[in-house]
Amino acid sequence: MSKMTHRQTWALTLLARLHDKASPEVRGFHAWRLGSHAARLLRSMEKTGFVKIERQAENCFRYSITEAGRDHLQSPTPEASDEGRETE
């Protein structure tokens, strides 16, 4: 499994929290609900199998966390790198 950056972990956690707060009928969230930065990070993780992205229409996508994504977040020590992390 490839390492995730801290930002990717943040975006995946955001998506998981949105799913946890939503009713069971909700299948995913549009980019405007996530924010463009989180949506871009989630798109970069699609090949990992942690995120499912469905095209709704031209330039309209629905983002969902997968069971693999939830398992990754619940693992004791999710792998993360400092790549792309801003310094203060």
PDB file of N, CA and C in Angstrom:
ATOM      1  N   MET A   1       0.850  -1.177   0.000  1.00  0.00           N
ATOM      2  CA  MET A   1       0.000   0.000   0.000  1.00  0.00           C
ATOM      3  C   MET A   1       0.896   1.241   0.000  1.00  0.00           C
ATOM      4  N   SER A   2       0.568   2.216  -0.801  1.00  0.00           N
ATOM      5  CA  SER A   2       1.378   3.421  -0.862  1.00  0.00           C
ATOM      6  C   SER A   2       1.108   4.303   0.356  1.00  0.00           C
ATOM      7  N   LYS A   3       2.106   5.090   0.706  1.00  0.00           N
ATOM      8  CA  LYS A   3       1.946   5.987   1.848  1.00  0.00           C
ATOM      9  C   LYS A   3       1.034   7.141   1.485  1.00  0.00           C
ATOM     10  N   MET A   4       0.267   7.559   2.463  1.00  0.00           N
ATOM     11  CA  MET A   4      -0.601   8.714   2.284  1.00  0.00           C
ATOM     12  C   MET A   4       0.037   9.904   2.981  1.00  0.00           C
ATOM     13  N   THR A   5      -0.174  11.074   2.431  1.00  0.00           N
ATOM     14  CA  THR A   5       0.304  12.280   3.088  1.00  0.00           C
ATOM     15  C   THR A   5      -0.653  12.619   4.226  1.00  0.00           C
ATOM     16  N   HIS A   6      -0.230  13.504   5.102  1.00  0.00           N
ATOM     17  CA  HIS A   6      -1.105  13.953   6.192  1.00  0.00           C
ATOM     18  C   HIS A   6      -2.355  14.631   5.628  1.00  0.00           C
ATOM     19  N   ARG A   7      -2.194  15.343   4.540  1.00  0.00           N
ATOM     20  CA  ARG A   7      -3.340  16.020   3.918  1.00  0.00           C
ATOM     21  C   ARG A   7      -4.336  15.018   3.347  1.00  0.00           C
ATOM     22  N   GLN A   8      -3.823  13.948   2.731  1.00  0.00           N
ATOM     23  CA  GLN A   8      -4.724  12.921   2.213  1.00  0.00           C
ATOM     24  C   GLN A   8      -5.482  12.248   3.356  1.00  0.00           C
ATOM     25  N   THR A   9      -4.800  11.993   4.464  1.00  0.00           N
ATOM     26  CA  THR A   9      -5.447  11.409   5.634  1.00  0.00           C
ATOM     27  C   THR A   9      -6.528  12.354   6.153  1.00  0.00           C
ATOM     28  N   TRP A  10      -6.232  13.646   6.176  1.00  0.00           N
ATOM     29  CA  TRP A  10      -7.215  14.648   6.600  1.00  0.00           C
ATOM     30  C   TRP A  10      -8.446  14.604   5.699  1.00  0.00           C
ATOM     31  N   ALA A  11      -8.239  14.566   4.373  1.00  0.00           N
ATOM     32  CA  ALA A  11      -9.362  14.564   3.433  1.00  0.00           C
ATOM     33  C   ALA A  11     -10.195  13.286   3.579  1.00  0.00           C
ATOM     34  N   LEU A  12      -9.533  12.159   3.771  1.00  0.00           N
ATOM     35  CA  LEU A  12     -10.259  10.905   3.938  1.00  0.00           C
ATOM     36  C   LEU A  12     -11.044  10.912   5.247  1.00  0.00           C
ATOM     37  N   THR A  13     -10.470  11.487   6.291  1.00  0.00           N
ATOM     38  CA  THR A  13     -11.172  11.613   7.570  1.00  0.00           C
ATOM     39  C   THR A  13     -12.382  12.533   7.429  1.00  0.00           C
ATOM     40  N   LEU A  14     -12.238  13.629   6.701  1.00  0.00           N
ATOM     41  CA  LEU A  14     -13.359  14.535   6.442  1.00  0.00           C
ATOM     42  C   LEU A  14     -14.500  13.800   5.750  1.00  0.00           C
ATOM     43  N   LEU A  15     -14.173  13.028   4.734  1.00  0.00           N
ATOM     44  CA  LEU A  15     -15.189  12.273   3.999  1.00  0.00           C
ATOM     45  C   LEU A  15     -15.858  11.245   4.915  1.00  0.00           C
ATOM     46  N   ALA A  16     -15.086  10.573   5.744  1.00  0.00           N
ATOM     47  CA  ALA A  16     -15.648   9.588   6.677  1.00  0.00           C
ATOM     48  C   ALA A  16     -16.597  10.257   7.664  1.00  0.00           C
ATOM     49  N   ARG A  17     -16.228  11.419   8.174  1.00  0.00           N
ATOM     50  CA  ARG A  17     -17.085  12.134   9.133  1.00  0.00           C
ATOM     51  C   ARG A  17     -18.387  12.596   8.490  1.00  0.00           C
ATOM     52  N   LEU A  18     -18.322  13.039   7.244  1.00  0.00           N
ATOM     53  CA  LEU A  18     -19.543  13.429   6.544  1.00  0.00           C
ATOM     54  C   LEU A  18     -20.468  12.224   6.389  1.00  0.00           C
ATOM     55  N   HIS A  19     -19.899  11.078   6.033  1.00  0.00           N
ATOM     56  CA  HIS A  19     -20.702   9.859   5.905  1.00  0.00           C
ATOM     57  C   HIS A  19     -21.296   9.464   7.247  1.00  0.00           C
ATOM     58  N   ASP A  20     -20.525   9.593   8.317  1.00  0.00           N
ATOM     59  CA  ASP A  20     -21.004   9.205   9.654  1.00  0.00           C
ATOM     60  C   ASP A  20     -22.169  10.073  10.115  1.00  0.00           C
ATOM     61  N   LYS A  21     -22.167  11.342   9.734  1.00  0.00           N
ATOM     62  CA  LYS A  21     -23.222  12.276  10.140  1.00  0.00           C
ATOM     63  C   LYS A  21     -24.460  12.179   9.260  1.00  0.00           C
ATOM     64  N   ALA A  22     -24.308  11.649   8.065  1.00  0.00           N
ATOM     65  CA  ALA A  22     -25.408  11.612   7.101  1.00  0.00           C
ATOM     66  C   ALA A  22     -26.303  10.399   7.345  1.00  0.00           C
ATOM     67  N   SER A  23     -27.488  10.452   6.783  1.00  0.00           N
ATOM     68  CA  SER A  23     -28.405   9.315   6.884  1.00  0.00           C
ATOM     69  C   SER A  23     -27.859   8.159   6.036  1.00  0.00           C
ATOM     70  N   PRO A  24     -28.277   6.942   6.336  1.00  0.00           N
ATOM     71  CA  PRO A  24     -27.770   5.776   5.604  1.00  0.00           C
ATOM     72  C   PRO A  24     -28.068   5.799   4.105  1.00  0.00           C
ATOM     73  N   GLU A  25     -29.067   6.561   3.691  1.00  0.00           N
ATOM     74  CA  GLU A  25     -29.416   6.621   2.272  1.00  0.00           C
ATOM     75  C   GLU A  25     -28.406   7.417   1.446  1.00  0.00           C
ATOM     76  N   VAL A  26     -27.606   8.241   2.109  1.00  0.00           N
ATOM     77  CA  VAL A  26     -26.640   9.089   1.398  1.00  0.00           C
ATOM     78  C   VAL A  26     -25.516   8.214   0.863  1.00  0.00           C
ATOM     79  N   ARG A  27     -25.284   8.315  -0.448  1.00  0.00           N
ATOM     80  CA  ARG A  27     -24.270   7.481  -1.094  1.00  0.00           C
ATOM     81  C   ARG A  27     -22.947   8.197  -1.321  1.00  0.00           C
ATOM     82  N   GLY A  28     -22.908   9.486  -1.114  1.00  0.00           N
ATOM     83  CA  GLY A  28     -21.675  10.221  -1.342  1.00  0.00           C
ATOM     84  C   GLY A  28     -21.929  11.716  -1.299  1.00  0.00           C
ATOM     85  N   PHE A  29     -20.872  12.477  -1.558  1.00  0.00           N
ATOM     86  CA  PHE A  29     -20.946  13.930  -1.441  1.00  0.00           C
ATOM     87  C   PHE A  29     -20.309  14.579  -2.656  1.00  0.00           C
ATOM     88  N   HIS A  30     -20.897  15.705  -3.068  1.00  0.00           N
ATOM     89  CA  HIS A  30     -20.351  16.457  -4.193  1.00  0.00           C
ATOM     90  C   HIS A  30     -19.159  17.295  -3.731  1.00  0.00           C
ATOM     91  N   ALA A  31     -18.332  17.684  -4.682  1.00  0.00           N
ATOM     92  CA  ALA A  31     -17.115  18.430  -4.386  1.00  0.00           C
ATOM     93  C   ALA A  31     -17.400  19.727  -3.638  1.00  0.00           C
ATOM     94  N   TRP A  32     -18.502  20.403  -3.960  1.00  0.00           N
ATOM     95  CA  TRP A  32     -18.792  21.681  -3.281  1.00  0.00           C
ATOM     96  C   TRP A  32     -18.984  21.457  -1.794  1.00  0.00           C
ATOM     97  N   ARG A  33     -19.451  20.287  -1.393  1.00  0.00           N
ATOM     98  CA  ARG A  33     -19.657  19.986   0.030  1.00  0.00           C
ATOM     99  C   ARG A  33     -18.330  19.699   0.731  1.00  0.00           C
ATOM    100  N   LEU A  34     -17.380  19.147  -0.008  1.00  0.00           N
ATOM    101  CA  LEU A  34     -16.072  18.791   0.541  1.00  0.00           C
ATOM    102  C   LEU A  34     -15.094  19.957   0.522  1.00  0.00           C
ATOM    103  N   GLY A  35     -15.230  20.811  -0.462  1.00  0.00           N
ATOM    104  CA  GLY A  35     -14.254  21.867  -0.705  1.00  0.00           C
ATOM    105  C   GLY A  35     -13.304  21.412  -1.794  1.00  0.00           C
ATOM    106  N   SER A  36     -12.829  22.328  -2.577  1.00  0.00           N
ATOM    107  CA  SER A  36     -12.014  21.959  -3.745  1.00  0.00           C
ATOM    108  C   SER A  36     -10.700  21.287  -3.341  1.00  0.00           C
ATOM    109  N   HIS A  37     -10.102  21.723  -2.246  1.00  0.00           N
ATOM    110  CA  HIS A  37      -8.827  21.131  -1.823  1.00  0.00           C
ATOM    111  C   HIS A  37      -9.016  19.670  -1.423  1.00  0.00           C
ATOM    112  N   ALA A  38     -10.025  19.387  -0.614  1.00  0.00           N
ATOM    113  CA  ALA A  38     -10.286  18.007  -0.189  1.00  0.00           C
ATOM    114  C   ALA A  38     -10.671  17.145  -1.392  1.00  0.00           C
ATOM    115  N   ALA A  39     -11.485  17.675  -2.283  1.00  0.00           N
ATOM    116  CA  ALA A  39     -11.891  16.915  -3.466  1.00  0.00           C
ATOM    117  C   ALA A  39     -10.677  16.547  -4.319  1.00  0.00           C
ATOM    118  N   ARG A  40      -9.757  17.470  -4.471  1.00  0.00           N
ATOM    119  CA  ARG A  40      -8.544  17.206  -5.257  1.00  0.00           C
ATOM    120  C   ARG A  40      -7.702  16.106  -4.594  1.00  0.00           C
ATOM    121  N   LEU A  41      -7.582  16.166  -3.263  1.00  0.00           N
ATOM    122  CA  LEU A  41      -6.826  15.144  -2.542  1.00  0.00           C
ATOM    123  C   LEU A  41      -7.506  13.780  -2.643  1.00  0.00           C
ATOM    124  N   LEU A  42      -8.826  13.750  -2.537  1.00  0.00           N
ATOM    125  CA  LEU A  42      -9.557  12.488  -2.646  1.00  0.00           C
ATOM    126  C   LEU A  42      -9.420  11.896  -4.045  1.00  0.00           C
ATOM    127  N   ARG A  43      -9.439  12.752  -5.045  1.00  0.00           N
ATOM    128  CA  ARG A  43      -9.265  12.274  -6.426  1.00  0.00           C
ATOM    129  C   ARG A  43      -7.895  11.595  -6.581  1.00  0.00           C
ATOM    130  N   SER A  44      -6.887  12.117  -5.908  1.00  0.00           N
ATOM    131  CA  SER A  44      -5.551  11.521  -6.006  1.00  0.00           C
ATOM    132  C   SER A  44      -5.485  10.152  -5.332  1.00  0.00           C
ATOM    133  N   MET A  45      -6.484   9.824  -4.499  1.00  0.00           N
ATOM    134  CA  MET A  45      -6.503   8.543  -3.784  1.00  0.00           C
ATOM    135  C   MET A  45      -7.420   7.511  -4.422  1.00  0.00           C
ATOM    136  N   GLU A  46      -8.072   7.839  -5.500  1.00  0.00           N
ATOM    137  CA  GLU A  46      -9.044   6.918  -6.086  1.00  0.00           C
ATOM    138  C   GLU A  46      -8.414   5.561  -6.425  1.00  0.00           C
ATOM    139  N   LYS A  47      -7.199   5.553  -6.935  1.00  0.00           N
ATOM    140  CA  LYS A  47      -6.547   4.300  -7.322  1.00  0.00           C
ATOM    141  C   LYS A  47      -6.166   3.430  -6.122  1.00  0.00           C
ATOM    142  N   THR A  48      -6.136   4.004  -4.920  1.00  0.00           N
ATOM    143  CA  THR A  48      -5.816   3.216  -3.728  1.00  0.00           C
ATOM    144  C   THR A  48      -6.985   2.335  -3.312  1.00  0.00           C
ATOM    145  N   GLY A  49      -8.178   2.669  -3.793  1.00  0.00           N
ATOM    146  CA  GLY A  49      -9.371   1.924  -3.414  1.00  0.00           C
ATOM    147  C   GLY A  49     -10.026   2.457  -2.152  1.00  0.00           C
ATOM    148  N   PHE A  50      -9.506   3.554  -1.596  1.00  0.00           N
ATOM    149  CA  PHE A  50     -10.063   4.143  -0.377  1.00  0.00           C
ATOM    150  C   PHE A  50     -11.262   5.033  -0.670  1.00  0.00           C
ATOM    151  N   VAL A  51     -11.349   5.499  -1.912  1.00  0.00           N
ATOM    152  CA  VAL A  51     -12.383   6.452  -2.310  1.00  0.00           C
ATOM    153  C   VAL A  51     -13.023   5.971  -3.613  1.00  0.00           C
ATOM    154  N   LYS A  52     -14.332   6.102  -3.694  1.00  0.00           N
ATOM    155  CA  LYS A  52     -15.047   5.809  -4.926  1.00  0.00           C
ATOM    156  C   LYS A  52     -15.574   7.132  -5.465  1.00  0.00           C
ATOM    157  N   ILE A  53     -15.340   7.371  -6.753  1.00  0.00           N
ATOM    158  CA  ILE A  53     -15.800   8.608  -7.377  1.00  0.00           C
ATOM    159  C   ILE A  53     -16.718   8.253  -8.529  1.00  0.00           C
ATOM    160  N   GLU A  54     -17.939   8.775  -8.481  1.00  0.00           N
ATOM    161  CA  GLU A  54     -18.931   8.536  -9.532  1.00  0.00           C
ATOM    162  C   GLU A  54     -19.193   9.830 -10.279  1.00  0.00           C
ATOM    163  N   ARG A  55     -19.153   9.758 -11.593  1.00  0.00           N
ATOM    164  CA  ARG A  55     -19.484  10.925 -12.408  1.00  0.00           C
ATOM    165  C   ARG A  55     -20.996  11.065 -12.457  1.00  0.00           C
ATOM    166  N   GLN A  56     -21.514  12.219 -12.070  1.00  0.00           N
ATOM    167  CA  GLN A  56     -22.943  12.495 -12.107  1.00  0.00           C
ATOM    168  C   GLN A  56     -23.331  13.208 -13.401  1.00  0.00           C
ATOM    169  N   ALA A  57     -22.483  14.108 -13.821  1.00  0.00           N
ATOM    170  CA  ALA A  57     -22.676  14.875 -15.049  1.00  0.00           C
ATOM    171  C   ALA A  57     -21.314  15.487 -15.372  1.00  0.00           C
ATOM    172  N   GLU A  58     -21.252  16.225 -16.457  1.00  0.00           N
ATOM    173  CA  GLU A  58     -19.987  16.865 -16.797  1.00  0.00           C
ATOM    174  C   GLU A  58     -19.557  17.778 -15.650  1.00  0.00           C
ATOM    175  N   ASN A  59     -18.350  17.592 -15.157  1.00  0.00           N
ATOM    176  CA  ASN A  59     -17.785  18.367 -14.044  1.00  0.00           C
ATOM    177  C   ASN A  59     -18.584  18.240 -12.754  1.00  0.00           C
ATOM    178  N   CYS A  60     -19.279  17.137 -12.565  1.00  0.00           N
ATOM    179  CA  CYS A  60     -20.035  16.905 -11.341  1.00  0.00           C
ATOM    180  C   CYS A  60     -19.769  15.465 -10.885  1.00  0.00           C
ATOM    181  N   PHE A  61     -19.139  15.321  -9.721  1.00  0.00           N
ATOM    182  CA  PHE A  61     -18.742  14.018  -9.230  1.00  0.00           C
ATOM    183  C   PHE A  61     -19.241  13.804  -7.809  1.00  0.00           C
ATOM    184  N   ARG A  62     -19.497  12.546  -7.459  1.00  0.00           N
ATOM    185  CA  ARG A  62     -19.904  12.174  -6.112  1.00  0.00           C
ATOM    186  C   ARG A  62     -18.772  11.340  -5.503  1.00  0.00           C
ATOM    187  N   TYR A  63     -18.314  11.744  -4.318  1.00  0.00           N
ATOM    188  CA  TYR A  63     -17.212  11.094  -3.627  1.00  0.00           C
ATOM    189  C   TYR A  63     -17.751  10.270  -2.463  1.00  0.00           C
ATOM    190  N   SER A  64     -17.295   9.006  -2.354  1.00  0.00           N
ATOM    191  CA  SER A  64     -17.710   8.124  -1.265  1.00  0.00           C
ATOM    192  C   SER A  64     -16.492   7.424  -0.693  1.00  0.00           C
ATOM    193  N   ILE A  65     -16.512   7.182   0.615  1.00  0.00           N
ATOM    194  CA  ILE A  65     -15.439   6.411   1.234  1.00  0.00           C
ATOM    195  C   ILE A  65     -15.797   4.931   1.103  1.00  0.00           C
ATOM    196  N   THR A  66     -14.810   4.096   0.862  1.00  0.00           N
ATOM    197  CA  THR A  66     -15.033   2.658   0.732  1.00  0.00           C
ATOM    198  C   THR A  66     -14.710   1.970   2.060  1.00  0.00           C
ATOM    199  N   GLU A  67     -15.033   0.694   2.146  1.00  0.00           N
ATOM    200  CA  GLU A  67     -14.680  -0.074   3.341  1.00  0.00           C
ATOM    201  C   GLU A  67     -13.161  -0.097   3.528  1.00  0.00           C
ATOM    202  N   ALA A  68     -12.415  -0.177   2.432  1.00  0.00           N
ATOM    203  CA  ALA A  68     -10.950  -0.152   2.526  1.00  0.00           C
ATOM    204  C   ALA A  68     -10.473   1.177   3.110  1.00  0.00           C
ATOM    205  N   GLY A  69     -11.140   2.263   2.741  1.00  0.00           N
ATOM    206  CA  GLY A  69     -10.795   3.577   3.290  1.00  0.00           C
ATOM    207  C   GLY A  69     -11.071   3.652   4.775  1.00  0.00           C
ATOM    208  N   ARG A  70     -12.219   3.122   5.191  1.00  0.00           N
ATOM    209  CA  ARG A  70     -12.547   3.093   6.626  1.00  0.00           C
ATOM    210  C   ARG A  70     -11.561   2.218   7.393  1.00  0.00           C
ATOM    211  N   ASP A  71     -11.234   1.063   6.822  1.00  0.00           N
ATOM    212  CA  ASP A  71     -10.263   0.171   7.470  1.00  0.00           C
ATOM    213  C   ASP A  71      -8.916   0.858   7.634  1.00  0.00           C
ATOM    214  N   HIS A  72      -8.519   1.601   6.608  1.00  0.00           N
ATOM    215  CA  HIS A  72      -7.237   2.308   6.675  1.00  0.00           C
ATOM    216  C   HIS A  72      -7.241   3.345   7.798  1.00  0.00           C
ATOM    217  N   LEU A  73      -8.324   4.086   7.923  1.00  0.00           N
ATOM    218  CA  LEU A  73      -8.403   5.096   8.980  1.00  0.00           C
ATOM    219  C   LEU A  73      -8.448   4.470  10.366  1.00  0.00           C
ATOM    220  N   GLN A  74      -9.005   3.276  10.484  1.00  0.00           N
ATOM    221  CA  GLN A  74      -9.122   2.621  11.777  1.00  0.00           C
ATOM    222  C   GLN A  74      -7.896   1.798  12.141  1.00  0.00           C
ATOM    223  N   SER A  75      -6.965   1.632  11.201  1.00  0.00           N
ATOM    224  CA  SER A  75      -5.753   0.879  11.519  1.00  0.00           C
ATOM    225  C   SER A  75      -4.973   1.650  12.583  1.00  0.00           C
ATOM    226  N   PRO A  76      -4.251   0.941  13.476  1.00  0.00           N
ATOM    227  CA  PRO A  76      -3.575   1.591  14.605  1.00  0.00           C
ATOM    228  C   PRO A  76      -2.620   2.703  14.200  1.00  0.00           C
ATOM    229  N   THR A  77      -1.882   2.512  13.126  1.00  0.00           N
ATOM    230  CA  THR A  77      -0.923   3.531  12.701  1.00  0.00           C
ATOM    231  C   THR A  77      -1.003   3.709  11.200  1.00  0.00           C
ATOM    232  N   PRO A  78      -1.958   4.514  10.725  1.00  0.00           N
ATOM    233  CA  PRO A  78      -2.023   4.746   9.284  1.00  0.00           C
ATOM    234  C   PRO A  78      -0.707   5.319   8.795  1.00  0.00           C
ATOM    235  N   GLU A  79      -0.231   4.767   7.689  1.00  0.00           N
ATOM    236  CA  GLU A  79       1.013   5.277   7.121  1.00  0.00           C
ATOM    237  C   GLU A  79       0.769   6.666   6.566  1.00  0.00           C
ATOM    238  N   ALA A  80       1.671   7.576   6.884  1.00  0.00           N
ATOM    239  CA  ALA A  80       1.571   8.926   6.342  1.00  0.00           C
ATOM    240  C   ALA A  80       2.972   9.466   6.156  1.00  0.00           C
ATOM    241  N   SER A  81       3.130  10.247   5.166  1.00  0.00           N
ATOM    242  CA  SER A  81       4.426  10.888   4.931  1.00  0.00           C
ATOM    243  C   SER A  81       4.252  12.386   5.105  1.00  0.00           C
ATOM    244  N   ASP A  82       5.344  13.086   5.197  1.00  0.00           N
ATOM    245  CA  ASP A  82       5.290  14.534   5.335  1.00  0.00           C
ATOM    246  C   ASP A  82       5.268  15.220   3.976  1.00  0.00           C
ATOM    247  N   GLU A  83       5.239  14.454   2.911  1.00  0.00           N
ATOM    248  CA  GLU A  83       5.240  15.011   1.564  1.00  0.00           C
ATOM    249  C   GLU A  83       4.053  15.940   1.380  1.00  0.00           C
ATOM    250  N   GLY A  84       4.306  17.125   0.917  1.00  0.00           N
ATOM    251  CA  GLY A  84       3.242  18.082   0.646  1.00  0.00           C
ATOM    252  C   GLY A  84       2.731  18.797   1.872  1.00  0.00           C
ATOM    253  N   ARG A  85       3.343  18.589   3.020  1.00  0.00           N
ATOM    254  CA  ARG A  85       2.877  19.238   4.234  1.00  0.00           C
ATOM    255  C   ARG A  85       3.491  20.619   4.337  1.00  0.00           C
ATOM    256  N   GLU A  86       2.672  21.594   4.656  1.00  0.00           N
ATOM    257  CA  GLU A  86       3.167  22.970   4.799  1.00  0.00           C
ATOM    258  C   GLU A  86       3.896  23.127   6.100  1.00  0.00           C
ATOM    259  N   THR A  87       4.885  23.964   6.103  1.00  0.00           N
ATOM    260  CA  THR A  87       5.584  24.293   7.338  1.00  0.00           C
ATOM    261  C   THR A  87       5.117  25.640   7.813  1.00  0.00           C
ATOM    262  N   GLU A  88       5.136  25.832   9.106  1.00  0.00           N
ATOM    263  CA  GLU A  88       4.651  27.094   9.667  1.00  0.00           C
ATOM    264  C   GLU A  88       5.754  28.108   9.790  1.00  0.00           C
TER     265      GLU A  88
END
